[in-house]
Amino acid sequence: MLKFITGRTKAIYYSIKGAFHLVKTEHSIQTQLFISLFFVLAGFYFNLSNIEWLFVVLAISLVLTAESLNSAIEKVADFIHPDYNKKIGLIKDIAAGAVFFAFLFAFAVICVIYIPKIY
């Protein structure tokens, strides 16, 4: 049981360490966090319902997760093949496409929730 708890504690430590590394070094994550903060503050201003908050938090989490995975894929690809490679470029484009899909969902959520409150 102690080994299990020690293992989970280390896993949490490494995940927090990775999250802080992303926030400190990845401009895309910093940008997404700034945009997220704006919509969280707007959510308080417009007094969102619990369901609206769930969708906003889901959208933010989805984009940050996709962006984080995209960054990890890019790092692995650059490590494996530091020079330009057409196939590696395609892999990076596909990973970026996943971020785009997450963004589309987030944009739809933002439009559905915030546009009626603005008008």
C-alpha atoms as a PDB file:
ATOM      1  CA  MET A   1       0.000   0.000   0.000  1.00  0.00           C
ATOM      2  CA  LEU A   2       2.845   2.404   0.831  1.00  0.00           C
ATOM      3  CA  LYS A   3       4.425   1.763  -2.586  1.00  0.00           C
ATOM      4  CA  PHE A   4       1.109   2.651  -4.261  1.00  0.00           C
ATOM      5  CA  ILE A   5       0.812   5.931  -2.324  1.00  0.00           C
ATOM      6  CA  THR A   6       4.451   6.815  -3.024  1.00  0.00           C
ATOM      7  CA  GLY A   7       3.947   6.093  -6.726  1.00  0.00           C
ATOM      8  CA  ARG A   8       0.806   8.248  -6.926  1.00  0.00           C
ATOM      9  CA  THR A   9       2.536  11.072  -5.060  1.00  0.00           C
ATOM     10  CA  LYS A  10       5.422  11.002  -7.537  1.00  0.00           C
ATOM     11  CA  ALA A  11       2.980  10.933 -10.457  1.00  0.00           C
ATOM     12  CA  ILE A  12       1.189  14.010  -9.118  1.00  0.00           C
ATOM     13  CA  TYR A  13       4.517  15.769  -8.562  1.00  0.00           C
ATOM     14  CA  TYR A  14       5.661  15.083 -12.140  1.00  0.00           C
ATOM     15  CA  SER A  15       2.342  16.164 -13.640  1.00  0.00           C
ATOM     16  CA  ILE A  16       2.421  19.453 -11.710  1.00  0.00           C
ATOM     17  CA  LYS A  17       6.063  19.922 -12.735  1.00  0.00           C
ATOM     18  CA  GLY A  18       5.078  19.364 -16.378  1.00  0.00           C
ATOM     19  CA  ALA A  19       2.177  21.787 -16.148  1.00  0.00           C
ATOM     20  CA  PHE A  20       4.417  24.509 -14.694  1.00  0.00           C
ATOM     21  CA  HIS A  21       6.987  23.836 -17.424  1.00  0.00           C
ATOM     22  CA  LEU A  22       4.288  24.293 -20.070  1.00  0.00           C
ATOM     23  CA  VAL A  23       3.110  27.549 -18.523  1.00  0.00           C
ATOM     24  CA  LYS A  24       6.657  28.902 -18.229  1.00  0.00           C
ATOM     25  CA  THR A  25       7.957  27.907 -21.668  1.00  0.00           C
ATOM     26  CA  GLU A  26       5.116  27.471 -24.170  1.00  0.00           C
ATOM     27  CA  HIS A  27       3.759  30.682 -25.670  1.00  0.00           C
ATOM     28  CA  SER A  28       0.678  28.901 -26.997  1.00  0.00           C
ATOM     29  CA  ILE A  29      -0.248  27.728 -23.482  1.00  0.00           C
ATOM     30  CA  GLN A  30       0.376  31.224 -22.089  1.00  0.00           C
ATOM     31  CA  THR A  31      -1.879  32.689 -24.783  1.00  0.00           C
ATOM     32  CA  GLN A  32      -4.610  30.125 -24.133  1.00  0.00           C
ATOM     33  CA  LEU A  33      -4.455  30.809 -20.389  1.00  0.00           C
ATOM     34  CA  PHE A  34      -4.754  34.558 -20.977  1.00  0.00           C
ATOM     35  CA  ILE A  35      -7.771  34.063 -23.251  1.00  0.00           C
ATOM     36  CA  SER A  36      -9.265  31.631 -20.725  1.00  0.00           C
ATOM     37  CA  LEU A  37      -8.877  34.165 -17.927  1.00  0.00           C
ATOM     38  CA  PHE A  38     -10.765  36.701 -20.025  1.00  0.00           C
ATOM     39  CA  PHE A  39     -13.713  34.314 -20.498  1.00  0.00           C
ATOM     40  CA  VAL A  40     -13.701  33.290 -16.830  1.00  0.00           C
ATOM     41  CA  LEU A  41     -13.892  36.949 -15.804  1.00  0.00           C
ATOM     42  CA  ALA A  42     -16.633  37.486 -18.397  1.00  0.00           C
ATOM     43  CA  GLY A  43     -18.442  34.496 -16.909  1.00  0.00           C
ATOM     44  CA  PHE A  44     -18.485  36.161 -13.500  1.00  0.00           C
ATOM     45  CA  TYR A  45     -19.624  39.428 -15.070  1.00  0.00           C
ATOM     46  CA  PHE A  46     -22.509  37.746 -16.917  1.00  0.00           C
ATOM     47  CA  ASN A  47     -23.355  35.516 -13.930  1.00  0.00           C
ATOM     48  CA  LEU A  48     -23.254  32.227 -15.854  1.00  0.00           C
ATOM     49  CA  SER A  49     -25.426  29.339 -14.762  1.00  0.00           C
ATOM     50  CA  ASN A  50     -23.866  26.118 -13.472  1.00  0.00           C
ATOM     51  CA  ILE A  51     -24.431  24.381 -16.822  1.00  0.00           C
ATOM     52  CA  GLU A  52     -22.873  27.306 -18.711  1.00  0.00           C
ATOM     53  CA  TRP A  53     -19.862  27.181 -16.369  1.00  0.00           C
ATOM     54  CA  LEU A  54     -19.506  23.459 -17.032  1.00  0.00           C
ATOM     55  CA  PHE A  55     -19.330  24.058 -20.768  1.00  0.00           C
ATOM     56  CA  VAL A  56     -16.897  26.979 -20.426  1.00  0.00           C
ATOM     57  CA  VAL A  57     -14.589  24.963 -18.156  1.00  0.00           C
ATOM     58  CA  LEU A  58     -14.873  21.951 -20.497  1.00  0.00           C
ATOM     59  CA  ALA A  59     -13.976  24.113 -23.497  1.00  0.00           C
ATOM     60  CA  ILE A  60     -11.001  25.681 -21.710  1.00  0.00           C
ATOM     61  CA  SER A  61      -9.787  22.295 -20.480  1.00  0.00           C
ATOM     62  CA  LEU A  62     -10.146  20.727 -23.913  1.00  0.00           C
ATOM     63  CA  VAL A  63      -8.123  23.456 -25.614  1.00  0.00           C
ATOM     64  CA  LEU A  64      -5.395  23.433 -22.941  1.00  0.00           C
ATOM     65  CA  THR A  65      -5.193  19.631 -23.079  1.00  0.00           C
ATOM     66  CA  ALA A  66      -4.991  19.570 -26.868  1.00  0.00           C
ATOM     67  CA  GLU A  67      -2.392  22.348 -26.844  1.00  0.00           C
ATOM     68  CA  SER A  68      -0.332  20.496 -24.232  1.00  0.00           C
ATOM     69  CA  LEU A  69      -0.421  17.238 -26.187  1.00  0.00           C
ATOM     70  CA  ASN A  70       0.471  19.136 -29.348  1.00  0.00           C
ATOM     71  CA  SER A  71       3.504  20.626 -27.586  1.00  0.00           C
ATOM     72  CA  ALA A  72       4.570  17.178 -26.367  1.00  0.00           C
ATOM     73  CA  ILE A  73       4.229  15.685 -29.850  1.00  0.00           C
ATOM     74  CA  GLU A  74       6.273  18.532 -31.324  1.00  0.00           C
ATOM     75  CA  LYS A  75       9.023  18.029 -28.725  1.00  0.00           C
ATOM     76  CA  VAL A  76       9.182  14.291 -29.392  1.00  0.00           C
ATOM     77  CA  ALA A  77       9.202  14.849 -33.154  1.00  0.00           C
ATOM     78  CA  ASP A  78      11.996  17.433 -32.888  1.00  0.00           C
ATOM     79  CA  PHE A  79      13.976  15.080 -30.636  1.00  0.00           C
ATOM     80  CA  ILE A  80      13.628  12.176 -33.055  1.00  0.00           C
ATOM     81  CA  HIS A  81      14.336  14.221 -36.164  1.00  0.00           C
ATOM     82  CA  PRO A  82      15.811  17.702 -35.434  1.00  0.00           C
ATOM     83  CA  ASP A  83      16.166  18.612 -39.119  1.00  0.00           C
ATOM     84  CA  TYR A  84      13.201  19.321 -41.356  1.00  0.00           C
ATOM     85  CA  ASN A  85      11.460  16.165 -42.479  1.00  0.00           C
ATOM     86  CA  LYS A  86       8.298  16.050 -44.568  1.00  0.00           C
ATOM     87  CA  LYS A  87       6.737  13.184 -42.568  1.00  0.00           C
ATOM     88  CA  ILE A  88       7.574  14.807 -39.219  1.00  0.00           C
ATOM     89  CA  GLY A  89       6.052  18.034 -40.551  1.00  0.00           C
ATOM     90  CA  LEU A  90       2.842  16.176 -41.395  1.00  0.00           C
ATOM     91  CA  ILE A  91       2.736  14.644 -37.901  1.00  0.00           C
ATOM     92  CA  LYS A  92       3.100  18.108 -36.384  1.00  0.00           C
ATOM     93  CA  ASP A  93       0.370  19.449 -38.673  1.00  0.00           C
ATOM     94  CA  ILE A  94      -1.994  16.656 -37.597  1.00  0.00           C
ATOM     95  CA  ALA A  95      -1.299  17.412 -33.926  1.00  0.00           C
ATOM     96  CA  ALA A  96      -1.977  21.090 -34.604  1.00  0.00           C
ATOM     97  CA  GLY A  97      -5.195  20.040 -36.342  1.00  0.00           C
ATOM     98  CA  ALA A  98      -6.341  18.457 -33.084  1.00  0.00           C
ATOM     99  CA  VAL A  99      -5.866  21.816 -31.380  1.00  0.00           C
ATOM    100  CA  PHE A 100      -7.915  23.417 -34.160  1.00  0.00           C
ATOM    101  CA  PHE A 101     -10.790  20.978 -33.547  1.00  0.00           C
ATOM    102  CA  ALA A 102     -10.663  21.777 -29.820  1.00  0.00           C
ATOM    103  CA  PHE A 103     -10.691  25.481 -30.668  1.00  0.00           C
ATOM    104  CA  LEU A 104     -13.757  25.045 -32.907  1.00  0.00           C
ATOM    105  CA  PHE A 105     -15.644  23.398 -30.032  1.00  0.00           C
ATOM    106  CA  ALA A 106     -14.534  26.126 -27.627  1.00  0.00           C
ATOM    107  CA  PHE A 107     -15.500  28.856 -30.089  1.00  0.00           C
ATOM    108  CA  ALA A 108     -18.957  27.325 -30.537  1.00  0.00           C
ATOM    109  CA  VAL A 109     -19.414  27.145 -26.760  1.00  0.00           C
ATOM    110  CA  ILE A 110     -18.303  30.745 -26.334  1.00  0.00           C
ATOM    111  CA  CYS A 111     -20.639  31.937 -29.090  1.00  0.00           C
ATOM    112  CA  VAL A 112     -23.661  30.036 -27.740  1.00  0.00           C
ATOM    113  CA  ILE A 113     -23.106  31.233 -24.174  1.00  0.00           C
ATOM    114  CA  TYR A 114     -21.782  34.767 -24.505  1.00  0.00           C
ATOM    115  CA  ILE A 115     -23.395  36.232 -27.629  1.00  0.00           C
ATOM    116  CA  PRO A 116     -26.950  36.149 -26.190  1.00  0.00           C
ATOM    117  CA  LYS A 117     -25.664  37.758 -22.989  1.00  0.00           C
ATOM    118  CA  ILE A 118     -23.959  40.561 -24.901  1.00  0.00           C
ATOM    119  CA  TYR A 119     -27.063  41.384 -26.985  1.00  0.00           C
END
